[in-house]
Amino acid sequence: MQLELRIGEIVVPVELNGSAAACTLAERLPQALSMSTSSVGCCGQLSFSLPCDAADVHPGWSDGDLNYKPEGDWLALFFDDERNSARYGGQVTLGHAAGSLDALRKLSGTNDASITIQA
């Protein structure tokens, strides 16, 4: 299943991986949230928890991953620092961006975001 993640004016298609957490996110769409941009990605807090199997929790990310952090219900789309990301534990990968990440690197501050199922 493919989602459309809009952060500010930037739209990124994301292909979900079919995990229980990803399927539950898809069932709860559309969603609106605020996402803050850092040097490695855009992150915002969901207003609900996603189910996840302990086997799905891992450290780090690949650039382009849409990850969920159960501790705090954080959702993040990562665009950089894959090589150093293993120091960040508690990640559950929900999917991966299907488009370019370049525009995300130009964002700053906090932006309104929306997640919808891509038609």
PDB file of N, CA and C in Angstrom:
ATOM      1  N   MET A   1       0.836  -1.168   0.000  1.00  0.00           N
ATOM      2  CA  MET A   1       0.000   0.000   0.000  1.00  0.00           C
ATOM      3  C   MET A   1       0.885   1.237   0.000  1.00  0.00           C
ATOM      4  N   GLN A   2       0.470   2.238  -0.747  1.00  0.00           N
ATOM      5  CA  GLN A   2       1.265   3.449  -0.836  1.00  0.00           C
ATOM      6  C   GLN A   2       0.536   4.613  -0.159  1.00  0.00           C
ATOM      7  N   LEU A   3       1.309   5.361   0.628  1.00  0.00           N
ATOM      8  CA  LEU A   3       0.811   6.547   1.315  1.00  0.00           C
ATOM      9  C   LEU A   3       1.369   7.793   0.653  1.00  0.00           C
ATOM     10  N   GLU A   4       0.714   8.894   0.932  1.00  0.00           N
ATOM     11  CA  GLU A   4       1.240  10.192   0.549  1.00  0.00           C
ATOM     12  C   GLU A   4       1.501  10.948   1.841  1.00  0.00           C
ATOM     13  N   LEU A   5       2.756  11.253   2.108  1.00  0.00           N
ATOM     14  CA  LEU A   5       3.151  12.036   3.273  1.00  0.00           C
ATOM     15  C   LEU A   5       3.451  13.442   2.782  1.00  0.00           C
ATOM     16  N   ARG A   6       2.666  14.392   3.257  1.00  0.00           N
ATOM     17  CA  ARG A   6       2.856  15.796   2.888  1.00  0.00           C
ATOM     18  C   ARG A   6       3.400  16.519   4.111  1.00  0.00           C
ATOM     19  N   ILE A   7       4.580  17.101   3.960  1.00  0.00           N
ATOM     20  CA  ILE A   7       5.206  17.879   5.029  1.00  0.00           C
ATOM     21  C   ILE A   7       5.381  19.280   4.487  1.00  0.00           C
ATOM     22  N   GLY A   8       4.619  20.225   5.025  1.00  0.00           N
ATOM     23  CA  GLY A   8       4.589  21.553   4.426  1.00  0.00           C
ATOM     24  C   GLY A   8       4.060  21.408   3.014  1.00  0.00           C
ATOM     25  N   GLU A   9       4.800  21.886   2.027  1.00  0.00           N
ATOM     26  CA  GLU A   9       4.393  21.789   0.619  1.00  0.00           C
ATOM     27  C   GLU A   9       5.027  20.605  -0.108  1.00  0.00           C
ATOM     28  N   ILE A  10       5.812  19.824   0.617  1.00  0.00           N
ATOM     29  CA  ILE A  10       6.544  18.714  -0.001  1.00  0.00           C
ATOM     30  C   ILE A  10       5.742  17.421   0.136  1.00  0.00           C
ATOM     31  N   VAL A  11       5.579  16.724  -0.964  1.00  0.00           N
ATOM     32  CA  VAL A  11       4.842  15.461  -0.979  1.00  0.00           C
ATOM     33  C   VAL A  11       5.814  14.329  -1.270  1.00  0.00           C
ATOM     34  N   VAL A  12       5.789  13.313  -0.400  1.00  0.00           N
ATOM     35  CA  VAL A  12       6.658  12.151  -0.564  1.00  0.00           C
ATOM     36  C   VAL A  12       5.785  10.890  -0.570  1.00  0.00           C
ATOM     37  N   PRO A  13       5.820  10.109  -1.641  1.00  0.00           N
ATOM     38  CA  PRO A  13       5.124   8.823  -1.615  1.00  0.00           C
ATOM     39  C   PRO A  13       5.915   7.827  -0.771  1.00  0.00           C
ATOM     40  N   VAL A  14       5.197   7.037   0.014  1.00  0.00           N
ATOM     41  CA  VAL A  14       5.827   6.049   0.887  1.00  0.00           C
ATOM     42  C   VAL A  14       5.132   4.713   0.673  1.00  0.00           C
ATOM     43  N   GLU A  15       5.916   3.683   0.404  1.00  0.00           N
ATOM     44  CA  GLU A  15       5.391   2.329   0.241  1.00  0.00           C
ATOM     45  C   GLU A  15       5.463   1.622   1.589  1.00  0.00           C
ATOM     46  N   LEU A  16       4.294   1.228   2.137  1.00  0.00           N
ATOM     47  CA  LEU A  16       4.263   0.524   3.414  1.00  0.00           C
ATOM     48  C   LEU A  16       4.722  -0.916   3.244  1.00  0.00           C
ATOM     49  N   ASN A  17       5.221  -1.509   4.329  1.00  0.00           N
ATOM     50  CA  ASN A  17       5.789  -2.854   4.247  1.00  0.00           C
ATOM     51  C   ASN A  17       4.834  -3.981   4.626  1.00  0.00           C
ATOM     52  N   GLY A  18       3.636  -3.704   5.083  1.00  0.00           N
ATOM     53  CA  GLY A  18       2.682  -4.760   5.392  1.00  0.00           C
ATOM     54  C   GLY A  18       2.749  -5.285   6.810  1.00  0.00           C
ATOM     55  N   SER A  19       3.595  -4.716   7.655  1.00  0.00           N
ATOM     56  CA  SER A  19       3.663  -5.139   9.061  1.00  0.00           C
ATOM     57  C   SER A  19       2.367  -4.752   9.774  1.00  0.00           C
ATOM     58  N   ALA A  20       2.144  -5.328  10.948  1.00  0.00           N
ATOM     59  CA  ALA A  20       0.943  -5.004  11.732  1.00  0.00           C
ATOM     60  C   ALA A  20       0.887  -3.509  12.036  1.00  0.00           C
ATOM     61  N   ALA A  21       2.019  -2.925  12.378  1.00  0.00           N
ATOM     62  CA  ALA A  21       2.054  -1.495  12.682  1.00  0.00           C
ATOM     63  C   ALA A  21       1.711  -0.661  11.450  1.00  0.00           C
ATOM     64  N   ALA A  22       2.265  -1.027  10.297  1.00  0.00           N
ATOM     65  CA  ALA A  22       1.997  -0.297   9.054  1.00  0.00           C
ATOM     66  C   ALA A  22       0.527  -0.422   8.659  1.00  0.00           C
ATOM     67  N   CYS A  23      -0.036  -1.617   8.797  1.00  0.00           N
ATOM     68  CA  CYS A  23      -1.451  -1.819   8.449  1.00  0.00           C
ATOM     69  C   CYS A  23      -2.364  -1.020   9.375  1.00  0.00           C
ATOM     70  N   THR A  24      -2.031  -0.969  10.650  1.00  0.00           N
ATOM     71  CA  THR A  24      -2.834  -0.191  11.589  1.00  0.00           C
ATOM     72  C   THR A  24      -2.746   1.296  11.266  1.00  0.00           C
ATOM     73  N   LEU A  25      -1.564   1.777  10.912  1.00  0.00           N
ATOM     74  CA  LEU A  25      -1.439   3.174  10.505  1.00  0.00           C
ATOM     75  C   LEU A  25      -2.343   3.445   9.308  1.00  0.00           C
ATOM     76  N   ALA A  26      -2.309   2.584   8.314  1.00  0.00           N
ATOM     77  CA  ALA A  26      -3.130   2.774   7.118  1.00  0.00           C
ATOM     78  C   ALA A  26      -4.620   2.809   7.463  1.00  0.00           C
ATOM     79  N   GLU A  27      -5.045   1.979   8.402  1.00  0.00           N
ATOM     80  CA  GLU A  27      -6.454   1.947   8.819  1.00  0.00           C
ATOM     81  C   GLU A  27      -6.883   3.231   9.509  1.00  0.00           C
ATOM     82  N   ARG A  28      -5.925   3.959  10.091  1.00  0.00           N
ATOM     83  CA  ARG A  28      -6.231   5.180  10.855  1.00  0.00           C
ATOM     84  C   ARG A  28      -6.104   6.457  10.017  1.00  0.00           C
ATOM     85  N   LEU A  29      -5.879   6.306   8.724  1.00  0.00           N
ATOM     86  CA  LEU A  29      -5.699   7.469   7.850  1.00  0.00           C
ATOM     87  C   LEU A  29      -7.040   7.980   7.366  1.00  0.00           C
ATOM     88  N   PRO A  30      -7.118   9.275   7.072  1.00  0.00           N
ATOM     89  CA  PRO A  30      -6.046  10.279   7.050  1.00  0.00           C
ATOM     90  C   PRO A  30      -5.703  10.765   8.459  1.00  0.00           C
ATOM     91  N   GLN A  31      -4.485  11.265   8.599  1.00  0.00           N
ATOM     92  CA  GLN A  31      -4.001  11.827   9.853  1.00  0.00           C
ATOM     93  C   GLN A  31      -3.298  13.147   9.583  1.00  0.00           C
ATOM     94  N   ALA A  32      -3.422  14.047  10.539  1.00  0.00           N
ATOM     95  CA  ALA A  32      -2.693  15.316  10.499  1.00  0.00           C
ATOM     96  C   ALA A  32      -1.827  15.386  11.755  1.00  0.00           C
ATOM     97  N   LEU A  33      -0.629  15.916  11.616  1.00  0.00           N
ATOM     98  CA  LEU A  33       0.264  16.089  12.744  1.00  0.00           C
ATOM     99  C   LEU A  33       1.276  17.162  12.415  1.00  0.00           C
ATOM    100  N   SER A  34       2.002  17.600  13.413  1.00  0.00           N
ATOM    101  CA  SER A  34       3.112  18.528  13.213  1.00  0.00           C
ATOM    102  C   SER A  34       4.389  17.716  13.183  1.00  0.00           C
ATOM    103  N   MET A  35       5.278  18.057  12.245  1.00  0.00           N
ATOM    104  CA  MET A  35       6.554  17.357  12.157  1.00  0.00           C
ATOM    105  C   MET A  35       7.688  18.376  12.208  1.00  0.00           C
ATOM    106  N   SER A  36       8.640  18.102  13.076  1.00  0.00           N
ATOM    107  CA  SER A  36       9.827  18.947  13.205  1.00  0.00           C
ATOM    108  C   SER A  36      10.949  18.355  12.375  1.00  0.00           C
ATOM    109  N   THR A  37      11.723  19.234  11.776  1.00  0.00           N
ATOM    110  CA  THR A  37      12.830  18.803  10.930  1.00  0.00           C
ATOM    111  C   THR A  37      14.139  18.923  11.682  1.00  0.00           C
ATOM    112  N   SER A  38      14.951  17.892  11.583  1.00  0.00           N
ATOM    113  CA  SER A  38      16.302  17.909  12.144  1.00  0.00           C
ATOM    114  C   SER A  38      17.272  17.674  10.998  1.00  0.00           C
ATOM    115  N   SER A  39      18.522  17.440  11.328  1.00  0.00           N
ATOM    116  CA  SER A  39      19.516  17.180  10.284  1.00  0.00           C
ATOM    117  C   SER A  39      19.398  15.782   9.699  1.00  0.00           C
ATOM    118  N   VAL A  40      18.575  14.910  10.303  1.00  0.00           N
ATOM    119  CA  VAL A  40      18.461  13.537   9.827  1.00  0.00           C
ATOM    120  C   VAL A  40      17.068  13.158   9.324  1.00  0.00           C
ATOM    121  N   GLY A  41      16.047  13.946   9.658  1.00  0.00           N
ATOM    122  CA  GLY A  41      14.704  13.586   9.227  1.00  0.00           C
ATOM    123  C   GLY A  41      13.635  14.511   9.759  1.00  0.00           C
ATOM    124  N   CYS A  42      12.398  14.137   9.487  1.00  0.00           N
ATOM    125  CA  CYS A  42      11.218  14.859   9.947  1.00  0.00           C
ATOM    126  C   CYS A  42      10.473  13.941  10.903  1.00  0.00           C
ATOM    127  N   CYS A  43      10.119  14.466  12.082  1.00  0.00           N
ATOM    128  CA  CYS A  43       9.565  13.630  13.138  1.00  0.00           C
ATOM    129  C   CYS A  43       8.369  14.324  13.787  1.00  0.00           C
ATOM    130  N   GLY A  44       7.315  13.533  14.049  1.00  0.00           N
ATOM    131  CA  GLY A  44       6.143  14.051  14.732  1.00  0.00           C
ATOM    132  C   GLY A  44       5.510  12.969  15.585  1.00  0.00           C
ATOM    133  N   GLN A  45       4.733  13.405  16.568  1.00  0.00           N
ATOM    134  CA  GLN A  45       4.118  12.454  17.490  1.00  0.00           C
ATOM    135  C   GLN A  45       2.701  12.120  17.054  1.00  0.00           C
ATOM    136  N   LEU A  46       2.431  10.818  16.919  1.00  0.00           N
ATOM    137  CA  LEU A  46       1.079  10.361  16.620  1.00  0.00           C
ATOM    138  C   LEU A  46       0.208  10.502  17.867  1.00  0.00           C
ATOM    139  N   SER A  47      -1.088  10.619  17.669  1.00  0.00           N
ATOM    140  CA  SER A  47      -2.018  10.729  18.802  1.00  0.00           C
ATOM    141  C   SER A  47      -2.501   9.358  19.263  1.00  0.00           C
ATOM    142  N   PHE A  48      -1.909   8.302  18.748  1.00  0.00           N
ATOM    143  CA  PHE A  48      -2.297   6.936  19.082  1.00  0.00           C
ATOM    144  C   PHE A  48      -1.074   6.033  18.960  1.00  0.00           C
ATOM    145  N   SER A  49      -1.188   4.847  19.528  1.00  0.00           N
ATOM    146  CA  SER A  49      -0.101   3.868  19.465  1.00  0.00           C
ATOM    147  C   SER A  49      -0.351   2.869  18.341  1.00  0.00           C
ATOM    148  N   LEU A  50       0.724   2.329  17.812  1.00  0.00           N
ATOM    149  CA  LEU A  50       0.648   1.274  16.809  1.00  0.00           C
ATOM    150  C   LEU A  50       1.113  -0.035  17.441  1.00  0.00           C
ATOM    151  N   PRO A  51       0.476  -1.147  17.089  1.00  0.00           N
ATOM    152  CA  PRO A  51       0.929  -2.427  17.618  1.00  0.00           C
ATOM    153  C   PRO A  51       2.240  -2.826  16.951  1.00  0.00           C
ATOM    154  N   CYS A  52       3.136  -3.389  17.724  1.00  0.00           N
ATOM    155  CA  CYS A  52       4.370  -3.871  17.102  1.00  0.00           C
ATOM    156  C   CYS A  52       4.905  -5.061  17.874  1.00  0.00           C
ATOM    157  N   ASP A  53       5.375  -6.018  17.138  1.00  0.00           N
ATOM    158  CA  ASP A  53       5.980  -7.214  17.675  1.00  0.00           C
ATOM    159  C   ASP A  53       7.408  -6.877  18.097  1.00  0.00           C
ATOM    160  N   ALA A  54       7.852  -7.425  19.202  1.00  0.00           N
ATOM    161  CA  ALA A  54       9.216  -7.158  19.677  1.00  0.00           C
ATOM    162  C   ALA A  54      10.256  -7.494  18.609  1.00  0.00           C
ATOM    163  N   ALA A  55       9.968  -8.464  17.761  1.00  0.00           N
ATOM    164  CA  ALA A  55      10.904  -8.847  16.695  1.00  0.00           C
ATOM    165  C   ALA A  55      11.043  -7.762  15.632  1.00  0.00           C
ATOM    166  N   ASP A  56      10.073  -6.835  15.552  1.00  0.00           N
ATOM    167  CA  ASP A  56      10.123  -5.755  14.566  1.00  0.00           C
ATOM    168  C   ASP A  56      10.914  -4.547  15.050  1.00  0.00           C
ATOM    169  N   VAL A  57      11.258  -4.510  16.329  1.00  0.00           N
ATOM    170  CA  VAL A  57      11.967  -3.364  16.909  1.00  0.00           C
ATOM    171  C   VAL A  57      13.467  -3.559  16.700  1.00  0.00           C
ATOM    172  N   HIS A  58      14.114  -2.531  16.183  1.00  0.00           N
ATOM    173  CA  HIS A  58      15.542  -2.627  15.847  1.00  0.00           C
ATOM    174  C   HIS A  58      16.198  -1.261  16.007  1.00  0.00           C
ATOM    175  N   PRO A  59      17.516  -1.210  16.016  1.00  0.00           N
ATOM    176  CA  PRO A  59      18.212   0.079  16.023  1.00  0.00           C
ATOM    177  C   PRO A  59      18.385   0.600  14.598  1.00  0.00           C
ATOM    178  N   GLY A  60      18.396   1.913  14.475  1.00  0.00           N
ATOM    179  CA  GLY A  60      18.774   2.568  13.232  1.00  0.00           C
ATOM    180  C   GLY A  60      17.731   2.574  12.134  1.00  0.00           C
ATOM    181  N   TRP A  61      18.176   3.109  10.977  1.00  0.00           N
ATOM    182  CA  TRP A  61      17.314   3.250   9.814  1.00  0.00           C
ATOM    183  C   TRP A  61      18.148   3.287   8.548  1.00  0.00           C
ATOM    184  N   SER A  62      17.482   3.138   7.452  1.00  0.00           N
ATOM    185  CA  SER A  62      18.056   3.410   6.136  1.00  0.00           C
ATOM    186  C   SER A  62      17.478   4.740   5.684  1.00  0.00           C
ATOM    187  N   ASP A  63      18.272   5.550   4.991  1.00  0.00           N
ATOM    188  CA  ASP A  63      17.751   6.819   4.486  1.00  0.00           C
ATOM    189  C   ASP A  63      16.525   6.527   3.640  1.00  0.00           C
ATOM    190  N   GLY A  64      15.430   7.226   3.923  1.00  0.00           N
ATOM    191  CA  GLY A  64      14.170   7.005   3.224  1.00  0.00           C
ATOM    192  C   GLY A  64      13.166   6.193   4.024  1.00  0.00           C
ATOM    193  N   ASP A  65      13.586   5.629   5.156  1.00  0.00           N
ATOM    194  CA  ASP A  65      12.667   4.839   5.977  1.00  0.00           C
ATOM    195  C   ASP A  65      11.632   5.710   6.675  1.00  0.00           C
ATOM    196  N   LEU A  66      10.406   5.194   6.727  1.00  0.00           N
ATOM    197  CA  LEU A  66       9.360   5.742   7.581  1.00  0.00           C
ATOM    198  C   LEU A  66       9.339   4.829   8.798  1.00  0.00           C
ATOM    199  N   ASN A  67       9.736   5.364   9.944  1.00  0.00           N
ATOM    200  CA  ASN A  67       9.858   4.566  11.160  1.00  0.00           C
ATOM    201  C   ASN A  67       8.916   5.059  12.242  1.00  0.00           C
ATOM    202  N   TYR A  68       8.575   4.134  13.114  1.00  0.00           N
ATOM    203  CA  TYR A  68       7.750   4.394  14.290  1.00  0.00           C
ATOM    204  C   TYR A  68       8.574   4.040  15.513  1.00  0.00           C
ATOM    205  N   LYS A  69       8.516   4.895  16.521  1.00  0.00           N
ATOM    206  CA  LYS A  69       9.198   4.621  17.789  1.00  0.00           C
ATOM    207  C   LYS A  69       8.117   4.439  18.845  1.00  0.00           C
ATOM    208  N   PRO A  70       7.881   3.192  19.272  1.00  0.00           N
ATOM    209  CA  PRO A  70       6.807   2.927  20.223  1.00  0.00           C
ATOM    210  C   PRO A  70       6.924   3.739  21.508  1.00  0.00           C
ATOM    211  N   GLU A  71       8.138   3.964  21.950  1.00  0.00           N
ATOM    212  CA  GLU A  71       8.331   4.777  23.147  1.00  0.00           C
ATOM    213  C   GLU A  71       8.057   6.234  22.791  1.00  0.00           C
ATOM    214  N   GLY A  72       6.837   6.665  23.020  1.00  0.00           N
ATOM    215  CA  GLY A  72       6.446   8.041  22.724  1.00  0.00           C
ATOM    216  C   GLY A  72       5.577   8.187  21.494  1.00  0.00           C
ATOM    217  N   ASP A  73       5.365   7.111  20.740  1.00  0.00           N
ATOM    218  CA  ASP A  73       4.506   7.140  19.547  1.00  0.00           C
ATOM    219  C   ASP A  73       5.000   8.135  18.494  1.00  0.00           C
ATOM    220  N   TRP A  74       6.302   8.133  18.255  1.00  0.00           N
ATOM    221  CA  TRP A  74       6.910   9.032  17.272  1.00  0.00           C
ATOM    222  C   TRP A  74       6.942   8.395  15.890  1.00  0.00           C
ATOM    223  N   LEU A  75       6.644   9.198  14.894  1.00  0.00           N
ATOM    224  CA  LEU A  75       6.716   8.787  13.496  1.00  0.00           C
ATOM    225  C   LEU A  75       7.773   9.661  12.832  1.00  0.00           C
ATOM    226  N   ALA A  76       8.681   9.056  12.092  1.00  0.00           N
ATOM    227  CA  ALA A  76       9.751   9.828  11.464  1.00  0.00           C
ATOM    228  C   ALA A  76      10.024   9.322  10.053  1.00  0.00           C
ATOM    229  N   LEU A  77      10.272  10.262   9.158  1.00  0.00           N
ATOM    230  CA  LEU A  77      10.774   9.943   7.826  1.00  0.00           C
ATOM    231  C   LEU A  77      12.219  10.423   7.802  1.00  0.00           C
ATOM    232  N   PHE A  78      13.140   9.460   7.710  1.00  0.00           N
ATOM    233  CA  PHE A  78      14.562   9.777   7.770  1.00  0.00           C
ATOM    234  C   PHE A  78      15.129   9.997   6.379  1.00  0.00           C
ATOM    235  N   PHE A  79      15.956  11.041   6.251  1.00  0.00           N
ATOM    236  CA  PHE A  79      16.567  11.342   4.965  1.00  0.00           C
ATOM    237  C   PHE A  79      18.085  11.397   5.019  1.00  0.00           C
ATOM    238  N   ASP A  80      18.685  11.181   6.189  1.00  0.00           N
ATOM    239  CA  ASP A  80      20.142  11.275   6.267  1.00  0.00           C
ATOM    240  C   ASP A  80      20.683  10.518   7.479  1.00  0.00           C
ATOM    241  N   ASP A  81      21.993  10.327   7.494  1.00  0.00           N
ATOM    242  CA  ASP A  81      22.797   9.772   8.577  1.00  0.00           C
ATOM    243  C   ASP A  81      22.558   8.290   8.839  1.00  0.00           C
ATOM    244  N   GLU A  82      22.179   7.580   7.800  1.00  0.00           N
ATOM    245  CA  GLU A  82      21.997   6.127   7.897  1.00  0.00           C
ATOM    246  C   GLU A  82      23.222   5.454   8.520  1.00  0.00           C
ATOM    247  N   ARG A  83      24.406   5.900   8.137  1.00  0.00           N
ATOM    248  CA  ARG A  83      25.643   5.239   8.575  1.00  0.00           C
ATOM    249  C   ARG A  83      25.862   5.324  10.086  1.00  0.00           C
ATOM    250  N   ASN A  84      25.275   6.326  10.758  1.00  0.00           N
ATOM    251  CA  ASN A  84      25.436   6.488  12.206  1.00  0.00           C
ATOM    252  C   ASN A  84      24.167   6.174  12.991  1.00  0.00           C
ATOM    253  N   SER A  85      23.138   5.686  12.320  1.00  0.00           N
ATOM    254  CA  SER A  85      21.824   5.575  12.950  1.00  0.00           C
ATOM    255  C   SER A  85      21.675   4.422  13.932  1.00  0.00           C
ATOM    256  N   ALA A  86      22.572   3.450  13.915  1.00  0.00           N
ATOM    257  CA  ALA A  86      22.433   2.284  14.792  1.00  0.00           C
ATOM    258  C   ALA A  86      22.460   2.666  16.271  1.00  0.00           C
ATOM    259  N   ARG A  87      22.946   3.837  16.594  1.00  0.00           N
ATOM    260  CA  ARG A  87      22.975   4.268  18.001  1.00  0.00           C
ATOM    261  C   ARG A  87      21.582   4.646  18.514  1.00  0.00           C
ATOM    262  N   TYR A  88      20.607   4.760  17.594  1.00  0.00           N
ATOM    263  CA  TYR A  88      19.235   5.095  17.971  1.00  0.00           C
ATOM    264  C   TYR A  88      18.402   3.821  17.964  1.00  0.00           C
ATOM    265  N   GLY A  89      18.063   3.335  19.133  1.00  0.00           N
ATOM    266  CA  GLY A  89      17.307   2.098  19.258  1.00  0.00           C
ATOM    267  C   GLY A  89      15.808   2.322  19.201  1.00  0.00           C
ATOM    268  N   GLY A  90      15.088   1.226  19.321  1.00  0.00           N
ATOM    269  CA  GLY A  90      13.637   1.282  19.418  1.00  0.00           C
ATOM    270  C   GLY A  90      12.915   1.677  18.156  1.00  0.00           C
ATOM    271  N   GLN A  91      13.436   1.348  16.989  1.00  0.00           N
ATOM    272  CA  GLN A  91      12.833   1.737  15.710  1.00  0.00           C
ATOM    273  C   GLN A  91      12.024   0.578  15.125  1.00  0.00           C
ATOM    274  N   VAL A  92      10.873   0.903  14.557  1.00  0.00           N
ATOM    275  CA  VAL A  92      10.053  -0.065  13.829  1.00  0.00           C
ATOM    276  C   VAL A  92       9.840   0.515  12.431  1.00  0.00           C
ATOM    277  N   THR A  93      10.347  -0.146  11.422  1.00  0.00           N
ATOM    278  CA  THR A  93      10.212   0.354  10.053  1.00  0.00           C
ATOM    279  C   THR A  93       8.831   0.008   9.519  1.00  0.00           C
ATOM    280  N   LEU A  94       8.121   1.053   9.049  1.00  0.00           N
ATOM    281  CA  LEU A  94       6.772   0.901   8.494  1.00  0.00           C
ATOM    282  C   LEU A  94       6.790   0.857   6.974  1.00  0.00           C
ATOM    283  N   GLY A  95       7.796   1.479   6.377  1.00  0.00           N
ATOM    284  CA  GLY A  95       7.869   1.548   4.929  1.00  0.00           C
ATOM    285  C   GLY A  95       9.063   2.357   4.497  1.00  0.00           C
ATOM    286  N   HIS A  96       9.071   2.700   3.215  1.00  0.00           N
ATOM    287  CA  HIS A  96      10.215   3.410   2.649  1.00  0.00           C
ATOM    288  C   HIS A  96       9.733   4.405   1.596  1.00  0.00           C
ATOM    289  N   ALA A  97      10.341   5.570   1.580  1.00  0.00           N
ATOM    290  CA  ALA A  97       9.986   6.603   0.603  1.00  0.00           C
ATOM    291  C   ALA A  97      10.249   6.112  -0.808  1.00  0.00           C
ATOM    292  N   ALA A  98       9.300   6.372  -1.681  1.00  0.00           N
ATOM    293  CA  ALA A  98       9.418   5.939  -3.074  1.00  0.00           C
ATOM    294  C   ALA A  98       9.916   7.071  -3.959  1.00  0.00           C
ATOM    295  N   GLY A  99      10.109   8.255  -3.397  1.00  0.00           N
ATOM    296  CA  GLY A  99      10.550   9.393  -4.190  1.00  0.00           C
ATOM    297  C   GLY A  99      11.834   9.982  -3.655  1.00  0.00           C
ATOM    298  N   SER A 100      12.223  11.078  -4.247  1.00  0.00           N
ATOM    299  CA  SER A 100      13.436  11.785  -3.858  1.00  0.00           C
ATOM    300  C   SER A 100      13.282  12.395  -2.467  1.00  0.00           C
ATOM    301  N   LEU A 101      14.371  12.425  -1.733  1.00  0.00           N
ATOM    302  CA  LEU A 101      14.390  13.006  -0.394  1.00  0.00           C
ATOM    303  C   LEU A 101      15.024  14.393  -0.385  1.00  0.00           C
ATOM    304  N   ASP A 102      15.501  14.866  -1.517  1.00  0.00           N
ATOM    305  CA  ASP A 102      16.247  16.124  -1.579  1.00  0.00           C
ATOM    306  C   ASP A 102      15.474  17.316  -1.034  1.00  0.00           C
ATOM    307  N   ALA A 103      14.212  17.435  -1.364  1.00  0.00           N
ATOM    308  CA  ALA A 103      13.427  18.594  -0.919  1.00  0.00           C
ATOM    309  C   ALA A 103      13.280  18.611   0.597  1.00  0.00           C
ATOM    310  N   LEU A 104      13.225  17.445   1.224  1.00  0.00           N
ATOM    311  CA  LEU A 104      13.089  17.386   2.677  1.00  0.00           C
ATOM    312  C   LEU A 104      14.297  17.980   3.384  1.00  0.00           C
ATOM    313  N   ARG A 105      15.461  17.852   2.786  1.00  0.00           N
ATOM    314  CA  ARG A 105      16.686  18.372   3.393  1.00  0.00           C
ATOM    315  C   ARG A 105      16.692  19.893   3.467  1.00  0.00           C
ATOM    316  N   LYS A 106      15.808  20.541   2.724  1.00  0.00           N
ATOM    317  CA  LYS A 106      15.730  22.003   2.721  1.00  0.00           C
ATOM    318  C   LYS A 106      14.731  22.547   3.737  1.00  0.00           C
ATOM    319  N   LEU A 107      13.957  21.659   4.365  1.00  0.00           N
ATOM    320  CA  LEU A 107      12.987  22.085   5.365  1.00  0.00           C
ATOM    321  C   LEU A 107      13.680  22.501   6.653  1.00  0.00           C
ATOM    322  N   SER A 108      12.999  23.314   7.434  1.00  0.00           N
ATOM    323  CA  SER A 108      13.485  23.670   8.760  1.00  0.00           C
ATOM    324  C   SER A 108      12.287  23.915   9.666  1.00  0.00           C
ATOM    325  N   GLY A 109      12.539  23.869  10.957  1.00  0.00           N
ATOM    326  CA  GLY A 109      11.484  24.154  11.918  1.00  0.00           C
ATOM    327  C   GLY A 109      10.412  23.082  11.959  1.00  0.00           C
ATOM    328  N   THR A 110       9.222  23.518  12.356  1.00  0.00           N
ATOM    329  CA  THR A 110       8.071  22.618  12.475  1.00  0.00           C
ATOM    330  C   THR A 110       7.096  22.926  11.339  1.00  0.00           C
ATOM    331  N   ASN A 111       6.594  21.868  10.735  1.00  0.00           N
ATOM    332  CA  ASN A 111       5.679  22.013   9.610  1.00  0.00           C
ATOM    333  C   ASN A 111       4.423  21.180   9.853  1.00  0.00           C
ATOM    334  N   ASP A 112       3.300  21.667   9.331  1.00  0.00           N
ATOM    335  CA  ASP A 112       2.089  20.862   9.317  1.00  0.00           C
ATOM    336  C   ASP A 112       2.303  19.708   8.356  1.00  0.00           C
ATOM    337  N   ALA A 113       1.825  18.538   8.744  1.00  0.00           N
ATOM    338  CA  ALA A 113       1.977  17.355   7.910  1.00  0.00           C
ATOM    339  C   ALA A 113       0.655  16.612   7.839  1.00  0.00           C
ATOM    340  N   SER A 114       0.486  15.865   6.752  1.00  0.00           N
ATOM    341  CA  SER A 114      -0.689  15.004   6.624  1.00  0.00           C
ATOM    342  C   SER A 114      -0.261  13.695   5.986  1.00  0.00           C
ATOM    343  N   ILE A 115      -0.973  12.648   6.356  1.00  0.00           N
ATOM    344  CA  ILE A 115      -0.713  11.325   5.795  1.00  0.00           C
ATOM    345  C   ILE A 115      -2.034  10.809   5.256  1.00  0.00           C
ATOM    346  N   THR A 116      -2.033  10.449   3.987  1.00  0.00           N
ATOM    347  CA  THR A 116      -3.233   9.915   3.356  1.00  0.00           C
ATOM    348  C   THR A 116      -2.867   8.702   2.513  1.00  0.00           C
ATOM    349  N   ILE A 117      -3.856   7.914   2.178  1.00  0.00           N
ATOM    350  CA  ILE A 117      -3.645   6.786   1.270  1.00  0.00           C
ATOM    351  C   ILE A 117      -3.560   7.373  -0.134  1.00  0.00           C
ATOM    352  N   GLN A 118      -2.552   6.970  -0.876  1.00  0.00           N
ATOM    353  CA  GLN A 118      -2.386   7.487  -2.225  1.00  0.00           C
ATOM    354  C   GLN A 118      -3.345   6.777  -3.170  1.00  0.00           C
ATOM    355  N   ALA A 119      -4.067   7.563  -3.926  1.00  0.00           N
ATOM    356  CA  ALA A 119      -5.061   7.002  -4.857  1.00  0.00           C
ATOM    357  C   ALA A 119      -4.403   6.414  -6.068  1.00  0.00           C
TER     358      ALA A 119
END
